Protein backbone atom coordinates (compact mmCIF):
# COMPACT_ATOMS: atom_id res chain seq x y z
CA UNK A 1 -1.32 -19.02 0.30
CA UNK A 2 1.32 -19.83 -2.29
CA UNK A 3 4.41 -21.45 -0.77
CA UNK A 4 6.36 -20.58 -3.93
CA UNK A 5 5.67 -16.85 -3.73
CA UNK A 6 8.90 -14.84 -4.22
CA UNK A 7 10.03 -12.82 -1.22
CA UNK A 8 9.65 -9.47 -3.01
CA UNK A 9 6.79 -8.96 -5.43
CA UNK A 10 4.06 -6.37 -5.84
CA UNK A 11 0.59 -7.92 -5.64
CA UNK A 12 -2.39 -5.65 -6.21
CA UNK A 13 -5.91 -5.32 -7.50
CA UNK A 14 -5.23 -3.72 -10.88
CA UNK A 15 -6.68 -3.09 -14.30
CA UNK A 16 -5.00 -2.08 -17.54
CA UNK A 17 -5.03 1.54 -16.35
CA UNK A 18 -5.29 1.61 -12.55
CA UNK A 19 -3.99 0.13 -9.29
CA UNK A 20 -5.97 -0.02 -6.05
CA UNK A 21 -4.20 0.89 -2.83
CA UNK A 22 -5.51 1.13 0.73
CA UNK A 23 -5.34 3.69 3.49
CA UNK A 24 -7.16 4.09 6.80
CA UNK A 25 -8.24 7.39 8.31
CA UNK A 26 -10.41 8.91 11.00
CA UNK A 27 -14.00 9.31 9.81
CA UNK A 28 -13.53 13.08 9.50
CA UNK A 29 -11.11 12.53 6.62
CA UNK A 30 -12.19 9.14 5.29
CA UNK A 31 -15.88 9.97 5.06
CA UNK A 32 -15.58 13.13 2.95
CA UNK A 33 -12.90 11.50 0.77
CA UNK A 34 -15.20 8.59 -0.07
CA UNK A 35 -18.22 10.82 -0.66
CA UNK A 36 -16.46 13.23 -3.01
CA UNK A 37 -13.77 11.03 -4.51
CA UNK A 38 -11.14 13.58 -3.47
CA UNK A 39 -9.13 14.11 -0.31
CA UNK A 40 -10.55 16.99 1.77
CA UNK A 41 -8.69 20.15 2.73
CA UNK A 42 -7.91 18.63 6.13
CA UNK A 43 -5.76 16.01 4.37
CA UNK A 44 -2.23 17.41 4.65
CA UNK A 45 -0.34 17.27 1.35
CA UNK A 46 2.90 18.25 3.07
CA UNK A 47 2.92 15.11 5.25
CA UNK A 48 4.17 11.72 4.13
CA UNK A 49 1.31 9.37 3.30
CA UNK A 50 1.69 5.58 3.04
CA UNK A 51 -0.27 3.58 0.48
CA UNK A 52 -0.59 -0.19 0.58
CA UNK A 53 -1.63 -2.48 -2.30
CA UNK A 54 -2.26 -5.32 0.16
CA UNK A 55 -5.73 -5.36 1.71
CA UNK A 56 -4.70 -7.76 4.47
CA UNK A 57 -1.62 -5.73 5.37
CA UNK A 58 -3.94 -2.74 5.70
CA UNK A 59 -6.16 -4.82 7.97
CA UNK A 60 -3.13 -5.68 10.07
CA UNK A 61 -2.15 -2.02 10.29
CA UNK A 62 -5.62 -0.72 11.22
CA UNK A 63 -6.80 -3.75 13.23
CA UNK A 64 -9.73 -4.43 10.90
CA UNK A 65 -10.75 -0.74 11.16
CA UNK A 66 -10.81 -0.74 14.97
CA UNK A 67 -7.76 1.39 15.80
CA UNK A 68 -8.21 5.03 16.75
CA UNK A 69 -8.09 7.40 13.76
CA UNK A 70 -8.07 4.39 11.40
CA UNK A 71 -11.77 3.51 11.58
CA UNK A 72 -12.47 4.30 7.91
CA UNK A 73 -10.70 2.13 5.34
CA UNK A 74 -10.41 3.58 1.85
CA UNK A 75 -9.73 1.79 -1.41
CA UNK A 76 -8.02 4.42 -3.55
CA UNK A 77 -7.84 3.66 -7.26
CA UNK A 78 -4.88 5.46 -8.82
CA UNK A 79 -3.39 5.50 -12.29
CA UNK A 80 -0.75 2.91 -13.10
CA UNK A 81 1.27 5.75 -14.58
CA UNK A 82 1.34 7.49 -11.21
CA UNK A 83 2.06 4.30 -9.26
CA UNK A 84 4.98 3.49 -11.52
CA UNK A 85 6.30 7.07 -11.36
CA UNK A 86 6.40 6.70 -7.57
CA UNK A 87 8.29 3.40 -7.79
CA UNK A 88 10.83 4.86 -10.22
CA UNK A 89 11.44 7.83 -7.93
CA UNK A 90 11.46 5.85 -4.68
CA UNK A 91 14.29 4.95 -2.34
CA UNK A 92 14.31 2.11 0.18
CA UNK A 93 13.45 3.41 3.64
CA UNK A 94 16.32 1.38 5.14
CA UNK A 95 19.92 1.01 4.01
CA UNK A 96 20.68 -2.25 2.19
CA UNK A 97 24.25 -3.27 1.43
CA UNK A 98 24.56 -3.98 -2.29
CA UNK A 99 21.81 -1.57 -3.34
CA UNK A 100 23.65 1.56 -2.21
CA UNK A 101 27.39 2.30 -2.33
CA UNK A 102 27.37 3.21 1.37
CA UNK A 103 25.12 4.63 4.07
CA UNK A 104 25.97 8.23 3.18
CA UNK A 105 24.87 7.67 -0.43
CA UNK A 106 21.64 6.05 0.77
CA UNK A 107 20.88 8.93 3.14
CA UNK A 108 21.49 11.45 0.38
CA UNK A 109 19.17 9.57 -1.99
CA UNK A 110 16.52 9.25 0.71
CA UNK A 111 16.52 13.01 1.32
CA UNK A 112 16.08 13.70 -2.41
CA UNK A 113 13.45 11.04 -3.12
CA UNK A 114 9.74 12.00 -3.11
CA UNK A 115 8.82 8.36 -2.41
CA UNK A 116 10.14 5.56 -0.24
CA UNK A 117 9.53 1.84 -0.05
CA UNK A 118 9.29 -0.62 2.81
CA UNK A 119 8.90 -4.37 2.39
CA UNK A 120 6.98 -5.75 5.37
CA UNK A 121 5.79 -9.32 5.96
CA UNK A 122 2.54 -10.04 4.12
CA UNK A 123 -0.34 -11.19 6.33
CA UNK A 124 -2.85 -14.03 6.22
CA UNK A 125 -6.53 -13.78 7.15
CA UNK A 126 -5.66 -14.13 10.84
CA UNK A 127 -3.12 -11.31 10.28
CA UNK A 128 -0.20 -13.61 11.07
CA UNK A 129 3.01 -12.88 9.12
CA UNK A 130 3.76 -14.82 5.95
CA UNK A 131 7.27 -15.66 4.68
CA UNK A 132 7.10 -13.16 1.82
CA UNK A 133 6.90 -9.39 1.73
CA UNK A 134 4.29 -6.76 0.95
CA UNK A 135 5.03 -3.35 -0.56
CA UNK A 136 4.39 -0.19 1.44
CA UNK A 137 4.89 2.99 -0.58
CA UNK A 138 5.43 6.28 1.22
CA UNK A 139 4.72 9.50 -0.68
CA UNK A 140 5.91 12.97 0.27
CA UNK A 141 6.37 16.36 -1.35
CA UNK A 142 5.80 16.17 -5.10
CA UNK A 143 4.63 12.54 -4.93
CA UNK A 144 2.04 13.25 -2.24
CA UNK A 145 0.62 16.20 -4.18
CA UNK A 146 0.49 14.20 -7.42
CA UNK A 147 -1.23 11.34 -5.61
CA UNK A 148 -4.00 13.57 -4.29
CA UNK A 149 -4.42 15.89 -7.27
CA UNK A 150 -3.44 13.90 -10.37
CA UNK A 151 -3.27 10.14 -9.83
CA UNK A 152 -6.45 9.48 -7.85
CA UNK A 153 -9.24 8.09 -10.05
CA UNK A 154 -11.74 7.05 -7.36
CA UNK A 155 -12.03 6.59 -3.60
CA UNK A 156 -14.33 3.98 -2.03
CA UNK A 157 -15.15 3.32 1.61
CA UNK A 158 -14.45 -0.41 2.13
CA UNK A 159 -14.95 -0.36 5.90
CA UNK A 160 -18.09 -2.54 5.60
CA UNK A 161 -16.01 -5.15 3.74
CA UNK A 162 -13.37 -5.06 6.47
CA UNK A 163 -16.01 -5.58 9.17
CA UNK A 164 -17.72 -8.39 7.29
CA UNK A 165 -14.46 -10.23 6.71
CA UNK A 166 -13.38 -9.68 10.32
CA UNK A 167 -16.63 -11.20 11.57
CA UNK A 168 -16.12 -14.26 9.37
CA UNK A 169 -12.55 -14.68 10.56
CA UNK A 170 -13.67 -14.46 14.20
CA UNK A 171 -16.26 -17.15 13.46
CA UNK A 172 -13.57 -19.33 11.93
CA UNK A 173 -15.07 -19.25 8.44
CA UNK A 174 -11.86 -18.47 6.61
CA UNK A 175 -13.15 -19.86 3.31
CA UNK A 176 -16.03 -17.36 3.27
CA UNK A 177 -13.65 -14.53 4.21
CA UNK A 178 -11.28 -15.57 1.44
CA UNK A 179 -14.08 -15.34 -1.11
CA UNK A 180 -14.55 -11.67 -0.22
CA UNK A 181 -10.89 -10.80 -0.71
CA UNK A 182 -10.02 -8.30 -3.45
CA UNK A 183 -8.33 -10.09 -6.35
CA UNK A 184 -4.70 -9.15 -5.79
CA UNK A 185 -2.62 -10.46 -8.70
CA UNK A 186 1.10 -10.07 -9.36
CA UNK A 187 1.71 -6.60 -10.76
CA UNK A 188 3.95 -6.45 -13.85
CA UNK A 189 6.85 -4.65 -12.21
CA UNK A 190 10.22 -5.80 -13.50
CA UNK A 191 13.77 -4.63 -12.86
CA UNK A 192 13.06 -1.26 -14.47
CA UNK A 193 10.62 -0.47 -11.65
CA UNK A 194 11.93 -2.54 -8.74
CA UNK A 195 15.62 -3.19 -9.45
CA UNK A 196 16.69 -0.35 -7.12
CA UNK A 197 14.20 -1.41 -4.43
CA UNK A 198 14.79 -5.15 -4.07
CA UNK A 199 17.81 -6.49 -2.12
CA UNK A 200 20.29 -8.36 -4.26
CA UNK A 201 19.82 -12.10 -4.61
CA UNK A 202 16.06 -11.91 -3.85
C-alpha cells in the first residue's frame, strides 16, 4: 500500500464513463439484481442505500460475503455523471468544525441532502485498517431512485471473486490475492466535487 496516500481521496475502478461501486445483499435481492442488471421490486427505493467504491472496504463490511443478508456481493457499474451528482448533493454524515458554520447548519443541510458521505479507514487484504480513508456514499430519496433507475449501467455478482480472494488470504498468499484485486485508481474528484466533504487541512 502507498505510504504517501492522502487521507481523503476517492479511489475506484472507473472508465471514461462509469464508476464501479460495491454492495452486499441477501441472495434474494442480489441474485435477481445480477441476473437482470436491475434491482428487483423487493429493493426498497425509499430506504437509504450505501455504495462503496472500495472492494476491500466492502469485504470488511460483509466479512468476505459471510455475514447474514450480505452473502451476495454486487459490483454495480454506474455513470460518472450520476456518481458526481451524488457527491455534489451530499453532506457529511458527521459534523465537522470548519466545514459547517455550526451544528444547526449541518443538521439542516443533512436533512435536505439526498446523499451523505462517510470517510472510514481503508482496509488491507487482511481487512486491517490503513491510515487513510475510504469513501462511503449513502443515497436516499431522489438519489436512491436515480441510482436504481437512471445511473445503473450493469450489475455483476462478484461473490466468487470474494471467496477466491478470501481463500488466498487465509492461505497466506497475499500476492496472489492482490493480483485479483479490481484496479482501483484515484478518481479525478477535485475541490468542486469534494471541497464540501473533506475536513479542512486534509
